[in-house]
Amino acid sequence: MPDTDNPLKNLILTYKETFAEWLMGKRLRSVRTLTIELPASRQRSDLLFEAVSEDNDVGLLHIELQGKRSAAPMPWRMVDYMSRTARMNGDAAHRRAA
């Protein structure tokens, strides 16, 4: 899916604040791109952001793009990504910004 994956990633990265607010359903103070190489694997997630809302709630927003030739079904890929991302980022998904 590189022919569509890269342009979609570039579009989302260019407008990450807008995409994050739309997907998370709230106004955000900041959105920061995080390291996306997940531990214990050379597999990389497509896009991972740390988003801080106006009331200082911090959340992780993971956007994964799937093509027709992707090996594993998306629900199973997301379970794997979620557990490895949580280990890598600790409690970042459920904390308040300093």
PDB file of N, CA and C in Angstrom:
ATOM      1  N   MET A   1       0.803  -1.194   0.000  1.00  0.00           N
ATOM      2  CA  MET A   1       0.000   0.000   0.000  1.00  0.00           C
ATOM      3  C   MET A   1       0.852   1.267   0.000  1.00  0.00           C
ATOM      4  N   PRO A   2       2.136   1.198  -0.351  1.00  0.00           N
ATOM      5  CA  PRO A   2       2.963   2.402  -0.325  1.00  0.00           C
ATOM      6  C   PRO A   2       2.464   3.503  -1.254  1.00  0.00           C
ATOM      7  N   ASP A   3       1.806   3.130  -2.344  1.00  0.00           N
ATOM      8  CA  ASP A   3       1.334   4.153  -3.281  1.00  0.00           C
ATOM      9  C   ASP A   3       0.241   5.044  -2.669  1.00  0.00           C
ATOM     10  N   THR A   4      -0.525   4.540  -1.707  1.00  0.00           N
ATOM     11  CA  THR A   4      -1.529   5.383  -1.042  1.00  0.00           C
ATOM     12  C   THR A   4      -1.147   5.693   0.401  1.00  0.00           C
ATOM     13  N   ASP A   5      -0.366   4.817   1.027  1.00  0.00           N
ATOM     14  CA  ASP A   5       0.014   4.983   2.427  1.00  0.00           C
ATOM     15  C   ASP A   5       0.802   6.284   2.640  1.00  0.00           C
ATOM     16  N   ASN A   6       1.842   6.499   1.864  1.00  0.00           N
ATOM     17  CA  ASN A   6       2.690   7.681   2.053  1.00  0.00           C
ATOM     18  C   ASN A   6       1.953   8.992   1.818  1.00  0.00           C
ATOM     19  N   PRO A   7       1.167   9.148   0.750  1.00  0.00           N
ATOM     20  CA  PRO A   7       0.421  10.404   0.595  1.00  0.00           C
ATOM     21  C   PRO A   7      -0.570  10.633   1.735  1.00  0.00           C
ATOM     22  N   LEU A   8      -1.232   9.562   2.222  1.00  0.00           N
ATOM     23  CA  LEU A   8      -2.158   9.717   3.346  1.00  0.00           C
ATOM     24  C   LEU A   8      -1.413  10.123   4.614  1.00  0.00           C
ATOM     25  N   LYS A   9      -0.274   9.504   4.873  1.00  0.00           N
ATOM     26  CA  LYS A   9       0.532   9.878   6.039  1.00  0.00           C
ATOM     27  C   LYS A   9       0.951  11.347   5.950  1.00  0.00           C
ATOM     28  N   ASN A  10       1.417  11.759   4.778  1.00  0.00           N
ATOM     29  CA  ASN A  10       1.842  13.152   4.604  1.00  0.00           C
ATOM     30  C   ASN A  10       0.694  14.123   4.836  1.00  0.00           C
ATOM     31  N   LEU A  11      -0.491  13.796   4.349  1.00  0.00           N
ATOM     32  CA  LEU A  11      -1.664  14.649   4.545  1.00  0.00           C
ATOM     33  C   LEU A  11      -1.999  14.759   6.035  1.00  0.00           C
ATOM     34  N   ILE A  12      -2.027  13.614   6.723  1.00  0.00           N
ATOM     35  CA  ILE A  12      -2.353  13.621   8.151  1.00  0.00           C
ATOM     36  C   ILE A  12      -1.285  14.368   8.940  1.00  0.00           C
ATOM     37  N   LEU A  13      -0.003  14.149   8.617  1.00  0.00           N
ATOM     38  CA  LEU A  13       1.064  14.846   9.328  1.00  0.00           C
ATOM     39  C   LEU A  13       0.992  16.354   9.106  1.00  0.00           C
ATOM     40  N   THR A  14       0.643  16.771   7.902  1.00  0.00           N
ATOM     41  CA  THR A  14       0.542  18.196   7.607  1.00  0.00           C
ATOM     42  C   THR A  14      -0.572  18.858   8.412  1.00  0.00           C
ATOM     43  N   TYR A  15      -1.668  18.139   8.611  1.00  0.00           N
ATOM     44  CA  TYR A  15      -2.839  18.686   9.321  1.00  0.00           C
ATOM     45  C   TYR A  15      -3.129  17.873  10.581  1.00  0.00           C
ATOM     46  N   LYS A  16      -2.087  17.471  11.308  1.00  0.00           N
ATOM     47  CA  LYS A  16      -2.268  16.562  12.450  1.00  0.00           C
ATOM     48  C   LYS A  16      -3.180  17.134  13.518  1.00  0.00           C
ATOM     49  N   GLU A  17      -3.128  18.438  13.785  1.00  0.00           N
ATOM     50  CA  GLU A  17      -3.999  19.028  14.800  1.00  0.00           C
ATOM     51  C   GLU A  17      -5.468  18.903  14.398  1.00  0.00           C
ATOM     52  N   THR A  18      -5.753  19.204  13.146  1.00  0.00           N
ATOM     53  CA  THR A  18      -7.124  19.122  12.646  1.00  0.00           C
ATOM     54  C   THR A  18      -7.631  17.680  12.682  1.00  0.00           C
ATOM     55  N   PHE A  19      -6.818  16.729  12.204  1.00  0.00           N
ATOM     56  CA  PHE A  19      -7.209  15.319  12.228  1.00  0.00           C
ATOM     57  C   PHE A  19      -7.414  14.835  13.656  1.00  0.00           C
ATOM     58  N   ALA A  20      -6.499  15.188  14.546  1.00  0.00           N
ATOM     59  CA  ALA A  20      -6.595  14.722  15.936  1.00  0.00           C
ATOM     60  C   ALA A  20      -7.858  15.263  16.604  1.00  0.00           C
ATOM     61  N   GLU A  21      -8.162  16.549  16.411  1.00  0.00           N
ATOM     62  CA  GLU A  21      -9.376  17.119  17.002  1.00  0.00           C
ATOM     63  C   GLU A  21     -10.624  16.452  16.442  1.00  0.00           C
ATOM     64  N   TRP A  22     -10.642  16.199  15.147  1.00  0.00           N
ATOM     65  CA  TRP A  22     -11.794  15.560  14.506  1.00  0.00           C
ATOM     66  C   TRP A  22     -11.989  14.139  15.040  1.00  0.00           C
ATOM     67  N   LEU A  23     -10.899  13.353  15.102  1.00  0.00           N
ATOM     68  CA  LEU A  23     -11.008  11.963  15.539  1.00  0.00           C
ATOM     69  C   LEU A  23     -11.273  11.829  17.037  1.00  0.00           C
ATOM     70  N   MET A  24     -10.746  12.757  17.835  1.00  0.00           N
ATOM     71  CA  MET A  24     -10.908  12.667  19.281  1.00  0.00           C
ATOM     72  C   MET A  24     -12.130  13.422  19.787  1.00  0.00           C
ATOM     73  N   GLY A  25     -12.733  14.240  18.919  1.00  0.00           N
ATOM     74  CA  GLY A  25     -13.973  14.926  19.267  1.00  0.00           C
ATOM     75  C   GLY A  25     -13.839  16.023  20.300  1.00  0.00           C
ATOM     76  N   LYS A  26     -12.644  16.645  20.390  1.00  0.00           N
ATOM     77  CA  LYS A  26     -12.483  17.769  21.309  1.00  0.00           C
ATOM     78  C   LYS A  26     -11.339  18.662  20.862  1.00  0.00           C
ATOM     79  N   ARG A  27     -11.371  19.909  21.365  1.00  0.00           N
ATOM     80  CA  ARG A  27     -10.321  20.869  21.044  1.00  0.00           C
ATOM     81  C   ARG A  27      -9.035  20.467  21.757  1.00  0.00           C
ATOM     82  N   LEU A  28      -7.920  20.609  21.062  1.00  0.00           N
ATOM     83  CA  LEU A  28      -6.631  20.213  21.610  1.00  0.00           C
ATOM     84  C   LEU A  28      -5.692  21.406  21.703  1.00  0.00           C
ATOM     85  N   ARG A  29      -4.894  21.405  22.731  1.00  0.00           N
ATOM     86  CA  ARG A  29      -3.882  22.456  22.925  1.00  0.00           C
ATOM     87  C   ARG A  29      -2.663  22.180  22.057  1.00  0.00           C
ATOM     88  N   SER A  30      -2.265  20.901  21.965  1.00  0.00           N
ATOM     89  CA  SER A  30      -1.098  20.549  21.156  1.00  0.00           C
ATOM     90  C   SER A  30      -1.199  19.104  20.693  1.00  0.00           C
ATOM     91  N   VAL A  31      -0.494  18.807  19.609  1.00  0.00           N
ATOM     92  CA  VAL A  31      -0.392  17.451  19.073  1.00  0.00           C
ATOM     93  C   VAL A  31       1.062  17.269  18.665  1.00  0.00           C
ATOM     94  N   ARG A  32       1.727  16.253  19.231  1.00  0.00           N
ATOM     95  CA  ARG A  32       3.142  16.027  18.998  1.00  0.00           C
ATOM     96  C   ARG A  32       3.330  14.622  18.428  1.00  0.00           C
ATOM     97  N   THR A  33       4.076  14.521  17.337  1.00  0.00           N
ATOM     98  CA  THR A  33       4.368  13.225  16.736  1.00  0.00           C
ATOM     99  C   THR A  33       5.329  12.462  17.635  1.00  0.00           C
ATOM    100  N   LEU A  34       5.031  11.197  17.908  1.00  0.00           N
ATOM    101  CA  LEU A  34       5.859  10.362  18.767  1.00  0.00           C
ATOM    102  C   LEU A  34       6.649   9.354  17.951  1.00  0.00           C
ATOM    103  N   THR A  35       7.658   8.754  18.578  1.00  0.00           N
ATOM    104  CA  THR A  35       8.425   7.679  17.952  1.00  0.00           C
ATOM    105  C   THR A  35       7.459   6.560  17.588  1.00  0.00           C
ATOM    106  N   ILE A  36       7.572   6.042  16.377  1.00  0.00           N
ATOM    107  CA  ILE A  36       6.580   5.060  15.948  1.00  0.00           C
ATOM    108  C   ILE A  36       7.147   3.675  15.711  1.00  0.00           C
ATOM    109  N   GLU A  37       8.428   3.438  16.052  1.00  0.00           N
ATOM    110  CA  GLU A  37       8.945   2.073  15.978  1.00  0.00           C
ATOM    111  C   GLU A  37       8.604   1.391  17.283  1.00  0.00           C
ATOM    112  N   LEU A  38       7.781   0.385  17.206  1.00  0.00           N
ATOM    113  CA  LEU A  38       7.279  -0.272  18.403  1.00  0.00           C
ATOM    114  C   LEU A  38       8.292  -1.277  18.928  1.00  0.00           C
ATOM    115  N   PRO A  39       8.351  -1.467  20.259  1.00  0.00           N
ATOM    116  CA  PRO A  39       9.330  -2.385  20.840  1.00  0.00           C
ATOM    117  C   PRO A  39       9.088  -3.834  20.427  1.00  0.00           C
ATOM    118  N   ALA A  40      10.153  -4.608  20.491  1.00  0.00           N
ATOM    119  CA  ALA A  40      10.125  -6.050  20.236  1.00  0.00           C
ATOM    120  C   ALA A  40       9.666  -6.387  18.827  1.00  0.00           C
ATOM    121  N   SER A  41       9.849  -5.460  17.924  1.00  0.00           N
ATOM    122  CA  SER A  41       9.435  -5.712  16.550  1.00  0.00           C
ATOM    123  C   SER A  41      10.056  -4.653  15.650  1.00  0.00           C
ATOM    124  N   ARG A  42      10.314  -5.016  14.432  1.00  0.00           N
ATOM    125  CA  ARG A  42      10.762  -4.033  13.451  1.00  0.00           C
ATOM    126  C   ARG A  42       9.558  -3.421  12.748  1.00  0.00           C
ATOM    127  N   GLN A  43       8.381  -3.885  13.097  1.00  0.00           N
ATOM    128  CA  GLN A  43       7.153  -3.358  12.513  1.00  0.00           C
ATOM    129  C   GLN A  43       6.895  -1.961  13.056  1.00  0.00           C
ATOM    130  N   ARG A  44       6.499  -1.052  12.187  1.00  0.00           N
ATOM    131  CA  ARG A  44       6.245   0.330  12.580  1.00  0.00           C
ATOM    132  C   ARG A  44       4.761   0.642  12.432  1.00  0.00           C
ATOM    133  N   SER A  45       4.262   1.402  13.380  1.00  0.00           N
ATOM    134  CA  SER A  45       2.895   1.884  13.219  1.00  0.00           C
ATOM    135  C   SER A  45       2.935   3.026  12.204  1.00  0.00           C
ATOM    136  N   ASP A  46       1.800   3.333  11.620  1.00  0.00           N
ATOM    137  CA  ASP A  46       1.771   4.388  10.617  1.00  0.00           C
ATOM    138  C   ASP A  46       1.927   5.769  11.247  1.00  0.00           C
ATOM    139  N   LEU A  47       1.049   6.127  12.173  1.00  0.00           N
ATOM    140  CA  LEU A  47       1.084   7.456  12.787  1.00  0.00           C
ATOM    141  C   LEU A  47       0.703   7.350  14.258  1.00  0.00           C
ATOM    142  N   LEU A  48       1.500   7.973  15.124  1.00  0.00           N
ATOM    143  CA  LEU A  48       1.221   7.989  16.551  1.00  0.00           C
ATOM    144  C   LEU A  48       1.479   9.395  17.065  1.00  0.00           C
ATOM    145  N   PHE A  49       0.490   9.982  17.739  1.00  0.00           N
ATOM    146  CA  PHE A  49       0.591  11.339  18.252  1.00  0.00           C
ATOM    147  C   PHE A  49       0.273  11.374  19.738  1.00  0.00           C
ATOM    148  N   GLU A  50       0.889  12.303  20.442  1.00  0.00           N
ATOM    149  CA  GLU A  50       0.463  12.645  21.789  1.00  0.00           C
ATOM    150  C   GLU A  50      -0.333  13.934  21.642  1.00  0.00           C
ATOM    151  N   ALA A  51      -1.576  13.935  22.111  1.00  0.00           N
ATOM    152  CA  ALA A  51      -2.461  15.094  21.965  1.00  0.00           C
ATOM    153  C   ALA A  51      -2.828  15.605  23.351  1.00  0.00           C
ATOM    154  N   VAL A  52      -2.683  16.928  23.546  1.00  0.00           N
ATOM    155  CA  VAL A  52      -3.017  17.561  24.817  1.00  0.00           C
ATOM    156  C   VAL A  52      -4.231  18.458  24.586  1.00  0.00           C
ATOM    157  N   SER A  53      -5.303  18.190  25.343  1.00  0.00           N
ATOM    158  CA  SER A  53      -6.531  18.977  25.182  1.00  0.00           C
ATOM    159  C   SER A  53      -6.400  20.311  25.911  1.00  0.00           C
ATOM    160  N   GLU A  54      -7.366  21.182  25.675  1.00  0.00           N
ATOM    161  CA  GLU A  54      -7.356  22.495  26.312  1.00  0.00           C
ATOM    162  C   GLU A  54      -7.439  22.396  27.832  1.00  0.00           C
ATOM    163  N   ASP A  55      -8.013  21.303  28.355  1.00  0.00           N
ATOM    164  CA  ASP A  55      -8.068  21.130  29.809  1.00  0.00           C
ATOM    165  C   ASP A  55      -6.918  20.257  30.317  1.00  0.00           C
ATOM    166  N   ASN A  56      -5.857  20.152  29.502  1.00  0.00           N
ATOM    167  CA  ASN A  56      -4.612  19.458  29.842  1.00  0.00           C
ATOM    168  C   ASN A  56      -4.711  17.950  29.955  1.00  0.00           C
ATOM    169  N   ASP A  57      -5.768  17.319  29.454  1.00  0.00           N
ATOM    170  CA  ASP A  57      -5.783  15.864  29.362  1.00  0.00           C
ATOM    171  C   ASP A  57      -4.842  15.461  28.230  1.00  0.00           C
ATOM    172  N   VAL A  58      -4.064  14.417  28.470  1.00  0.00           N
ATOM    173  CA  VAL A  58      -3.110  13.937  27.479  1.00  0.00           C
ATOM    174  C   VAL A  58      -3.590  12.584  26.972  1.00  0.00           C
ATOM    175  N   GLY A  59      -3.611  12.410  25.661  1.00  0.00           N
ATOM    176  CA  GLY A  59      -4.023  11.143  25.087  1.00  0.00           C
ATOM    177  C   GLY A  59      -3.129  10.755  23.931  1.00  0.00           C
ATOM    178  N   LEU A  60      -3.109   9.477  23.638  1.00  0.00           N
ATOM    179  CA  LEU A  60      -2.390   8.991  22.473  1.00  0.00           C
ATOM    180  C   LEU A  60      -3.397   8.742  21.366  1.00  0.00           C
ATOM    181  N   LEU A  61      -3.080   9.212  20.173  1.00  0.00           N
ATOM    182  CA  LEU A  61      -3.920   8.999  18.994  1.00  0.00           C
ATOM    183  C   LEU A  61      -3.105   8.189  17.994  1.00  0.00           C
ATOM    184  N   HIS A  62      -3.583   6.987  17.684  1.00  0.00           N
ATOM    185  CA  HIS A  62      -2.890   6.090  16.763  1.00  0.00           C
ATOM    186  C   HIS A  62      -3.755   5.943  15.517  1.00  0.00           C
ATOM    187  N   ILE A  63      -3.193   6.278  14.365  1.00  0.00           N
ATOM    188  CA  ILE A  63      -3.892   6.133  13.088  1.00  0.00           C
ATOM    189  C   ILE A  63      -3.148   5.089  12.282  1.00  0.00           C
ATOM    190  N   GLU A  64      -3.845   4.035  11.909  1.00  0.00           N
ATOM    191  CA  GLU A  64      -3.240   2.948  11.136  1.00  0.00           C
ATOM    192  C   GLU A  64      -3.996   2.817   9.824  1.00  0.00           C
ATOM    193  N   LEU A  65      -3.268   2.780   8.730  1.00  0.00           N
ATOM    194  CA  LEU A  65      -3.853   2.665   7.398  1.00  0.00           C
ATOM    195  C   LEU A  65      -3.679   1.224   6.929  1.00  0.00           C
ATOM    196  N   GLN A  66      -4.713   0.633   6.369  1.00  0.00           N
ATOM    197  CA  GLN A  66      -4.630  -0.768   5.960  1.00  0.00           C
ATOM    198  C   GLN A  66      -5.010  -0.913   4.498  1.00  0.00           C
ATOM    199  N   GLY A  67      -4.136  -1.560   3.765  1.00  0.00           N
ATOM    200  CA  GLY A  67      -4.396  -1.851   2.364  1.00  0.00           C
ATOM    201  C   GLY A  67      -4.989  -3.239   2.200  1.00  0.00           C
ATOM    202  N   LYS A  68      -5.387  -3.540   0.991  1.00  0.00           N
ATOM    203  CA  LYS A  68      -5.998  -4.842   0.716  1.00  0.00           C
ATOM    204  C   LYS A  68      -5.029  -5.994   0.915  1.00  0.00           C
ATOM    205  N   ARG A  69      -3.723  -5.734   0.810  1.00  0.00           N
ATOM    206  CA  ARG A  69      -2.733  -6.811   0.920  1.00  0.00           C
ATOM    207  C   ARG A  69      -2.123  -6.913   2.314  1.00  0.00           C
ATOM    208  N   SER A  70      -2.644  -6.187   3.300  1.00  0.00           N
ATOM    209  CA  SER A  70      -2.108  -6.282   4.656  1.00  0.00           C
ATOM    210  C   SER A  70      -2.257  -7.708   5.162  1.00  0.00           C
ATOM    211  N   ALA A  71      -1.214  -8.201   5.822  1.00  0.00           N
ATOM    212  CA  ALA A  71      -1.182  -9.607   6.238  1.00  0.00           C
ATOM    213  C   ALA A  71      -2.200  -9.929   7.327  1.00  0.00           C
ATOM    214  N   ALA A  72      -2.224  -9.153   8.391  1.00  0.00           N
ATOM    215  CA  ALA A  72      -3.103  -9.460   9.523  1.00  0.00           C
ATOM    216  C   ALA A  72      -4.336  -8.555   9.491  1.00  0.00           C
ATOM    217  N   PRO A  73      -5.473  -9.064   9.938  1.00  0.00           N
ATOM    218  CA  PRO A  73      -6.673  -8.224  10.008  1.00  0.00           C
ATOM    219  C   PRO A  73      -6.464  -7.056  10.979  1.00  0.00           C
ATOM    220  N   MET A  74      -7.037  -5.914  10.671  1.00  0.00           N
ATOM    221  CA  MET A  74      -6.836  -4.690  11.450  1.00  0.00           C
ATOM    222  C   MET A  74      -7.129  -4.863  12.944  1.00  0.00           C
ATOM    223  N   PRO A  75      -8.223  -5.523  13.364  1.00  0.00           N
ATOM    224  CA  PRO A  75      -8.458  -5.641  14.811  1.00  0.00           C
ATOM    225  C   PRO A  75      -7.298  -6.312  15.547  1.00  0.00           C
ATOM    226  N   TRP A  76      -6.711  -7.352  14.960  1.00  0.00           N
ATOM    227  CA  TRP A  76      -5.592  -8.043  15.612  1.00  0.00           C
ATOM    228  C   TRP A  76      -4.341  -7.181  15.600  1.00  0.00           C
ATOM    229  N   ARG A  77      -4.115  -6.458  14.516  1.00  0.00           N
ATOM    230  CA  ARG A  77      -2.968  -5.549  14.467  1.00  0.00           C
ATOM    231  C   ARG A  77      -3.097  -4.480  15.544  1.00  0.00           C
ATOM    232  N   MET A  78      -4.308  -3.944  15.732  1.00  0.00           N
ATOM    233  CA  MET A  78      -4.501  -2.874  16.704  1.00  0.00           C
ATOM    234  C   MET A  78      -4.304  -3.371  18.135  1.00  0.00           C
ATOM    235  N   VAL A  79      -4.741  -4.587  18.443  1.00  0.00           N
ATOM    236  CA  VAL A  79      -4.506  -5.147  19.780  1.00  0.00           C
ATOM    237  C   VAL A  79      -2.999  -5.206  20.044  1.00  0.00           C
ATOM    238  N   ASP A  80      -2.253  -5.685  19.067  1.00  0.00           N
ATOM    239  CA  ASP A  80      -0.801  -5.774  19.205  1.00  0.00           C
ATOM    240  C   ASP A  80      -0.182  -4.383  19.367  1.00  0.00           C
ATOM    241  N   TYR A  81      -0.569  -3.451  18.509  1.00  0.00           N
ATOM    242  CA  TYR A  81      -0.037  -2.082  18.593  1.00  0.00           C
ATOM    243  C   TYR A  81      -0.365  -1.451  19.945  1.00  0.00           C
ATOM    244  N   MET A  82      -1.612  -1.622  20.401  1.00  0.00           N
ATOM    245  CA  MET A  82      -2.035  -0.988  21.652  1.00  0.00           C
ATOM    246  C   MET A  82      -1.206  -1.476  22.831  1.00  0.00           C
ATOM    247  N   SER A  83      -0.977  -2.785  22.919  1.00  0.00           N
ATOM    248  CA  SER A  83      -0.226  -3.301  24.065  1.00  0.00           C
ATOM    249  C   SER A  83       1.228  -2.836  24.019  1.00  0.00           C
ATOM    250  N   ARG A  84       1.846  -2.861  22.849  1.00  0.00           N
ATOM    251  CA  ARG A  84       3.249  -2.427  22.750  1.00  0.00           C
ATOM    252  C   ARG A  84       3.381  -0.923  22.930  1.00  0.00           C
ATOM    253  N   THR A  85       2.440  -0.159  22.425  1.00  0.00           N
ATOM    254  CA  THR A  85       2.471   1.292  22.602  1.00  0.00           C
ATOM    255  C   THR A  85       2.298   1.662  24.068  1.00  0.00           C
ATOM    256  N   ALA A  86       1.403   0.981  24.764  1.00  0.00           N
ATOM    257  CA  ALA A  86       1.196   1.253  26.184  1.00  0.00           C
ATOM    258  C   ALA A  86       2.464   0.958  26.980  1.00  0.00           C
ATOM    259  N   ARG A  87       3.137  -0.145  26.670  1.00  0.00           N
ATOM    260  CA  ARG A  87       4.391  -0.466  27.366  1.00  0.00           C
ATOM    261  C   ARG A  87       5.451   0.590  27.089  1.00  0.00           C
ATOM    262  N   MET A  88       5.521   1.057  25.844  1.00  0.00           N
ATOM    263  CA  MET A  88       6.545   2.020  25.450  1.00  0.00           C
ATOM    264  C   MET A  88       6.290   3.396  26.052  1.00  0.00           C
ATOM    265  N   ASN A  89       5.037   3.800  26.168  1.00  0.00           N
ATOM    266  CA  ASN A  89       4.708   5.150  26.603  1.00  0.00           C
ATOM    267  C   ASN A  89       4.169   5.224  28.023  1.00  0.00           C
ATOM    268  N   GLY A  90       4.202   4.131  28.736  1.00  0.00           N
ATOM    269  CA  GLY A  90       3.750   4.136  30.119  1.00  0.00           C
ATOM    270  C   GLY A  90       2.327   4.628  30.235  1.00  0.00           C
ATOM    271  N   ASP A  91       2.106   5.561  31.134  1.00  0.00           N
ATOM    272  CA  ASP A  91       0.747   6.057  31.368  1.00  0.00           C
ATOM    273  C   ASP A  91       0.452   7.325  30.582  1.00  0.00           C
ATOM    274  N   ALA A  92       1.168   7.576  29.485  1.00  0.00           N
ATOM    275  CA  ALA A  92       0.989   8.814  28.718  1.00  0.00           C
ATOM    276  C   ALA A  92      -0.448   8.998  28.228  1.00  0.00           C
ATOM    277  N   ALA A  93      -1.153   7.901  28.035  1.00  0.00           N
ATOM    278  CA  ALA A  93      -2.517   7.998  27.523  1.00  0.00           C
ATOM    279  C   ALA A  93      -3.503   8.476  28.586  1.00  0.00           C
ATOM    280  N   HIS A  94      -3.094   8.460  29.847  1.00  0.00           N
ATOM    281  CA  HIS A  94      -4.033   8.794  30.921  1.00  0.00           C
ATOM    282  C   HIS A  94      -3.413   9.729  31.956  1.00  0.00           C
ATOM    283  N   ARG A  95      -2.757  10.788  31.508  1.00  0.00           N
ATOM    284  CA  ARG A  95      -2.156  11.706  32.463  1.00  0.00           C
ATOM    285  C   ARG A  95      -2.522  13.137  32.103  1.00  0.00           C
ATOM    286  N   ARG A  96      -2.186  14.022  32.959  1.00  0.00           N
ATOM    287  CA  ARG A  96      -2.381  15.446  32.714  1.00  0.00           C
ATOM    288  C   ARG A  96      -1.030  16.054  32.356  1.00  0.00           C
ATOM    289  N   ALA A  97      -1.041  17.014  31.442  1.00  0.00           N
ATOM    290  CA  ALA A  97       0.180  17.687  31.056  1.00  0.00           C
ATOM    291  C   ALA A  97       0.694  18.533  32.217  1.00  0.00           C
ATOM    292  N   ALA A  98       1.992  18.624  32.320  1.00  0.00           N
ATOM    293  CA  ALA A  98       2.595  19.426  33.398  1.00  0.00           C
ATOM    294  C   ALA A  98       2.526  20.904  33.089  1.00  0.00           C
TER     295      ALA A  98
END
